[in-house]
Amino acid sequence: MRRLIVLLLFFYSSSIFSQAENEIQVYASPTTLPGWTIFELHNNYTFSGSQYLTDKNSAHWYNTSLEITHGFGKNFELGFYTFTGFAPNGGFTYLGNHIRPRVTVPEEWKWSFGASLSLEFGFIRLTDTSDYIWEGELRPIMDKTFGNWYFSFNLNLAFAVSGDDKGIEFSPQFKTVYTIQQKVGVGIEYYGNFGEFGNFLSGNLQEHLLGPMIDLYVHPMWEVNSGFLFGLTKNSNQRIFKLLIGRRVKSKKAK
């Protein structure tokens, strides 16, 4: 009984950092070009949630998030998010907003790999009945291309500054893709949450998602990424489908 209570308390407290359902994406290091804007629609459906949930149907959310990113300088962009979703009962709900400035290492520095840093911050709620909290993430990004292979690491620090469970958690992400004839990219993506930074959780209390992904390079103005993620631990969401569709728009003044 005591062990069950501990598990339930953990699930409640750690869920403030469980944002993967809203936006599932491993970032590349380059920022948006000056004068360009990209509109991205993130669509994610959770077929099965944590095995510790007492109400299994409560995980069946369809999250749809709009991300708008504009390039303001050669190495700087600003992103804005609106989070929404359809609850398991079918009701549409507004979940919050984030803003995200990001800078990238200039090419003139001639690093052997790409690197950038983003700071995302805003307010969000997990469900249509929970309270809003102020939270965000600090996201160092490193990536590298070897021929047809591409690798990206996002070493995220997720934090909450309001609510009952303030703190910082380590939630790294990884992506590798093999490109076929510059038309299709196939690979895998990984999303993790180890728990509080400096005091990691053990075993099945951590969150780890892994699954096959596909990128379609149908047109330079369009971005398409889709895949299916599987939970590797009991506290992970067990099955999630993701679809990201993006459209780039060039301003008249952009070069």
Protein backbone atom coordinates (compact mmCIF):
# COMPACT_ATOMS: atom_id res chain seq x y z
CA MET A 1 0.00 0.00 0.00
CA ARG A 2 2.77 2.42 0.93
CA ARG A 3 4.55 1.71 -2.36
CA LEU A 4 1.35 2.42 -4.31
CA ILE A 5 0.90 5.78 -2.57
CA VAL A 6 4.49 6.75 -3.38
CA LEU A 7 3.97 5.87 -7.04
CA LEU A 8 0.78 7.90 -7.28
CA LEU A 9 2.38 10.91 -5.62
CA PHE A 10 5.31 10.65 -8.00
CA PHE A 11 3.06 10.54 -11.04
CA TYR A 12 1.20 13.68 -9.91
CA SER A 13 4.35 15.66 -9.12
CA SER A 14 6.35 14.64 -12.19
CA SER A 15 3.52 15.23 -14.64
CA ILE A 16 4.19 18.99 -14.68
CA PHE A 17 7.17 18.25 -16.91
CA SER A 18 5.36 15.80 -19.20
CA GLN A 19 5.00 18.10 -22.20
CA ALA A 20 5.84 15.61 -24.94
CA GLU A 21 2.17 15.32 -25.94
CA ASN A 22 2.02 19.02 -26.91
CA GLU A 23 5.15 19.27 -29.03
CA ILE A 24 7.21 16.22 -29.98
CA GLN A 25 10.24 17.48 -31.87
CA VAL A 26 14.02 17.15 -31.83
CA TYR A 27 15.46 20.48 -32.97
CA ALA A 28 18.20 21.06 -35.52
CA SER A 29 20.80 23.73 -34.77
CA PRO A 30 20.23 26.25 -37.64
CA THR A 31 17.86 29.13 -36.88
CA THR A 32 15.23 30.46 -39.29
CA LEU A 33 16.69 32.72 -41.98
CA PRO A 34 16.24 36.51 -41.55
CA GLY A 35 12.87 37.67 -42.85
CA TRP A 36 11.50 34.13 -43.10
CA THR A 37 8.65 32.66 -41.02
CA ILE A 38 7.74 29.01 -40.55
CA PHE A 39 4.31 27.89 -39.40
CA GLU A 40 4.30 24.42 -37.83
CA LEU A 41 1.30 22.39 -36.71
CA HIS A 42 2.13 19.63 -34.20
CA ASN A 43 -0.47 16.85 -34.06
CA ASN A 44 -0.02 14.09 -31.46
CA TYR A 45 -2.38 11.39 -30.26
CA THR A 46 -1.75 9.26 -27.16
CA PHE A 47 -3.13 5.76 -27.64
CA SER A 48 -1.91 4.49 -24.27
CA GLY A 49 -0.48 6.38 -21.28
CA SER A 50 1.47 5.48 -18.16
CA GLN A 51 0.80 2.02 -16.78
CA TYR A 52 0.43 3.62 -13.36
CA LEU A 53 -2.73 5.51 -14.40
CA THR A 54 -5.85 4.31 -12.59
CA ASP A 55 -8.07 5.73 -15.36
CA LYS A 56 -6.51 4.49 -18.62
CA ASN A 57 -8.87 6.57 -20.78
CA SER A 58 -7.59 9.83 -19.24
CA ALA A 59 -4.45 9.56 -21.41
CA HIS A 60 -6.32 9.55 -24.72
CA TRP A 61 -5.60 13.16 -25.64
CA TYR A 62 -5.30 14.54 -29.17
CA ASN A 63 -2.95 17.52 -28.84
CA THR A 64 -2.57 20.08 -31.60
CA SER A 65 -0.12 22.95 -31.17
CA LEU A 66 0.68 25.87 -33.47
CA GLU A 67 4.31 27.02 -33.54
CA ILE A 68 5.22 30.24 -35.41
CA THR A 69 8.93 31.05 -35.73
CA HIS A 70 10.44 34.14 -37.37
CA GLY A 71 14.08 34.83 -38.19
CA PHE A 72 15.16 38.31 -37.03
CA GLY A 73 18.89 38.06 -37.69
CA LYS A 74 21.51 35.82 -39.19
CA ASN A 75 21.80 33.82 -35.96
CA PHE A 76 18.60 34.65 -34.06
CA GLU A 77 14.96 33.57 -34.19
CA LEU A 78 11.87 33.96 -32.03
CA GLY A 79 9.19 31.30 -31.71
CA PHE A 80 5.66 31.48 -30.31
CA TYR A 81 3.48 28.50 -29.34
CA THR A 82 -0.24 28.06 -28.76
CA PHE A 83 -1.15 24.74 -27.11
CA THR A 84 -4.61 23.24 -27.57
CA GLY A 85 -6.11 19.77 -27.45
CA PHE A 86 -9.13 17.52 -27.56
CA ALA A 87 -9.76 15.86 -24.20
CA PRO A 88 -10.71 12.17 -23.96
CA ASN A 89 -14.38 13.27 -23.76
CA GLY A 90 -14.02 15.05 -27.12
CA GLY A 91 -14.09 18.59 -25.79
CA PHE A 92 -11.70 21.13 -27.32
CA THR A 93 -9.62 23.11 -24.82
CA TYR A 94 -6.98 25.83 -24.75
CA LEU A 95 -3.88 24.74 -22.79
CA GLY A 96 -1.46 27.69 -22.84
CA ASN A 97 1.26 29.66 -24.62
CA HIS A 98 5.07 29.71 -24.76
CA ILE A 99 7.64 32.05 -26.28
CA ARG A 100 11.09 30.86 -27.39
CA PRO A 101 14.12 32.98 -28.35
CA ARG A 102 17.02 31.00 -29.88
CA VAL A 103 20.56 31.82 -30.98
CA THR A 104 22.94 29.70 -33.03
CA VAL A 105 26.73 29.57 -33.26
CA PRO A 106 27.82 31.63 -36.31
CA GLU A 107 29.33 29.73 -39.23
CA GLU A 108 32.33 32.08 -39.03
CA TRP A 109 33.38 30.37 -35.80
CA LYS A 110 33.96 27.19 -37.84
CA TRP A 111 32.93 24.71 -35.20
CA SER A 112 33.08 21.07 -36.28
CA PHE A 113 29.37 20.63 -35.43
CA GLY A 114 26.23 22.76 -35.38
CA ALA A 115 25.15 24.29 -32.08
CA SER A 116 22.41 26.57 -30.80
CA LEU A 117 20.65 27.44 -27.55
CA SER A 118 16.98 28.17 -26.91
CA LEU A 119 15.10 29.34 -23.83
CA GLU A 120 11.41 28.52 -23.83
CA PHE A 121 9.06 29.98 -21.24
CA GLY A 122 5.35 30.41 -20.69
CA PHE A 123 2.25 29.06 -18.98
CA ILE A 124 0.46 25.77 -19.53
CA ARG A 125 -1.97 23.33 -17.98
CA LEU A 126 -1.98 19.58 -18.47
CA THR A 127 -5.74 19.07 -18.76
CA ASP A 128 -8.94 21.08 -19.15
CA THR A 129 -9.50 20.97 -15.38
CA SER A 130 -5.99 21.59 -13.95
CA ASP A 131 -4.47 24.96 -13.00
CA TYR A 132 -2.00 26.88 -15.16
CA ILE A 133 1.65 26.88 -14.12
CA TRP A 134 4.63 28.94 -15.29
CA GLU A 135 7.39 26.75 -16.70
CA GLY A 136 9.78 26.23 -19.61
CA GLU A 137 13.03 24.69 -20.73
CA LEU A 138 16.63 25.50 -21.52
CA ARG A 139 17.58 23.56 -24.66
CA PRO A 140 21.21 23.20 -25.82
CA ILE A 141 21.23 21.75 -29.35
CA MET A 142 24.11 19.98 -31.11
CA ASP A 143 23.96 18.28 -34.51
CA LYS A 144 26.20 16.87 -37.22
CA THR A 145 25.85 15.45 -40.76
CA PHE A 146 27.99 12.58 -42.04
CA GLY A 147 27.17 11.95 -45.70
CA ASN A 148 23.55 10.76 -45.76
CA TRP A 149 23.45 10.43 -41.98
CA TYR A 150 22.22 13.18 -39.65
CA PHE A 151 22.46 13.21 -35.83
CA SER A 152 20.98 15.71 -33.37
CA PHE A 153 21.17 15.89 -29.56
CA ASN A 154 18.92 18.18 -27.47
CA LEU A 155 20.09 18.20 -23.85
CA ASN A 156 17.02 19.77 -22.26
CA LEU A 157 16.60 21.12 -18.76
CA ALA A 158 12.86 21.45 -18.05
CA PHE A 159 11.84 23.72 -15.16
CA ALA A 160 8.76 24.93 -13.29
CA VAL A 161 8.71 28.20 -11.35
CA SER A 162 5.15 28.08 -9.99
CA GLY A 163 2.73 25.50 -8.66
CA ASP A 164 3.29 22.93 -5.96
CA ASP A 165 6.24 21.22 -7.63
CA LYS A 166 8.92 23.72 -8.60
CA GLY A 167 12.19 22.29 -9.84
CA ILE A 168 14.46 21.33 -12.72
CA GLU A 169 14.46 18.02 -14.58
CA PHE A 170 16.81 16.50 -17.16
CA SER A 171 14.91 15.53 -20.34
CA PRO A 172 17.31 14.78 -23.23
CA GLN A 173 16.23 14.10 -26.81
CA PHE A 174 17.99 12.44 -29.74
CA LYS A 175 17.38 11.96 -33.47
CA THR A 176 19.20 10.12 -36.24
CA VAL A 177 18.09 10.09 -39.89
CA TYR A 178 19.35 8.46 -43.08
CA THR A 179 18.37 10.40 -46.21
CA ILE A 180 17.45 8.50 -49.39
CA GLN A 181 18.00 10.38 -52.67
CA GLN A 182 17.33 13.71 -50.91
CA LYS A 183 13.61 12.87 -50.89
CA VAL A 184 12.94 10.77 -47.79
CA GLY A 185 14.61 10.53 -44.40
CA VAL A 186 14.12 7.45 -42.23
CA GLY A 187 15.38 7.09 -38.68
CA ILE A 188 14.56 7.06 -34.99
CA GLU A 189 13.77 9.64 -32.32
CA TYR A 190 14.18 9.37 -28.55
CA TYR A 191 12.62 11.45 -25.74
CA GLY A 192 13.55 10.99 -22.09
CA ASN A 193 12.87 12.35 -18.63
CA PHE A 194 15.28 11.22 -15.92
CA GLY A 195 13.64 13.23 -13.15
CA GLU A 196 15.03 15.97 -10.95
CA PHE A 197 18.45 17.15 -12.07
CA GLY A 198 21.09 15.83 -9.67
CA ASN A 199 18.64 13.37 -8.11
CA PHE A 200 17.54 11.08 -10.93
CA LEU A 201 14.67 8.66 -10.53
CA SER A 202 15.23 4.95 -10.82
CA GLY A 203 13.98 2.29 -13.21
CA ASN A 204 10.36 2.40 -14.29
CA LEU A 205 9.71 5.80 -12.68
CA GLN A 206 11.70 7.50 -15.45
CA GLU A 207 10.14 8.33 -18.81
CA HIS A 208 11.72 7.04 -22.04
CA LEU A 209 10.12 7.08 -25.49
CA LEU A 210 11.66 5.63 -28.66
CA GLY A 211 10.29 5.02 -32.14
CA PRO A 212 10.70 5.05 -35.92
CA MET A 213 10.33 8.35 -37.79
CA ILE A 214 10.09 9.55 -41.38
CA ASP A 215 10.87 12.98 -42.88
CA LEU A 216 9.53 13.92 -46.31
CA TYR A 217 11.40 16.54 -48.35
CA VAL A 218 8.52 17.16 -50.78
CA HIS A 219 9.32 20.86 -51.31
CA PRO A 220 11.81 23.39 -49.85
CA MET A 221 8.90 25.42 -48.46
CA TRP A 222 7.33 22.44 -46.67
CA GLU A 223 8.33 20.35 -43.64
CA VAL A 224 6.77 16.95 -42.89
CA ASN A 225 7.77 14.69 -40.01
CA SER A 226 5.83 11.73 -38.67
CA GLY A 227 6.33 8.65 -36.55
CA PHE A 228 5.24 6.41 -33.71
CA LEU A 229 6.75 6.37 -30.22
CA PHE A 230 6.77 3.45 -27.78
CA GLY A 231 7.24 3.73 -24.02
CA LEU A 232 10.26 1.87 -22.65
CA THR A 233 9.27 2.14 -18.96
CA LYS A 234 6.02 1.73 -17.07
CA ASN A 235 5.72 5.45 -16.30
CA SER A 236 6.16 6.44 -19.97
CA ASN A 237 3.28 7.06 -22.29
CA GLN A 238 3.17 3.69 -24.03
CA ARG A 239 2.09 4.57 -27.59
CA ILE A 240 2.01 8.00 -29.27
CA PHE A 241 1.48 8.93 -32.92
CA LYS A 242 2.98 12.23 -34.08
CA LEU A 243 2.60 14.31 -37.24
CA LEU A 244 4.34 17.65 -37.81
CA ILE A 245 3.49 19.77 -40.86
CA GLY A 246 5.36 23.02 -41.49
CA ARG A 247 5.15 25.77 -44.13
CA ARG A 248 7.87 28.37 -44.72
CA VAL A 249 6.96 31.90 -45.86
CA LYS A 250 9.42 34.47 -47.19
CA SER A 251 8.84 38.19 -46.64
CA LYS A 252 9.33 40.60 -49.54
CA LYS A 253 12.34 42.17 -47.83
CA ALA A 254 14.10 38.86 -47.15
CA LYS A 255 17.13 38.02 -49.25
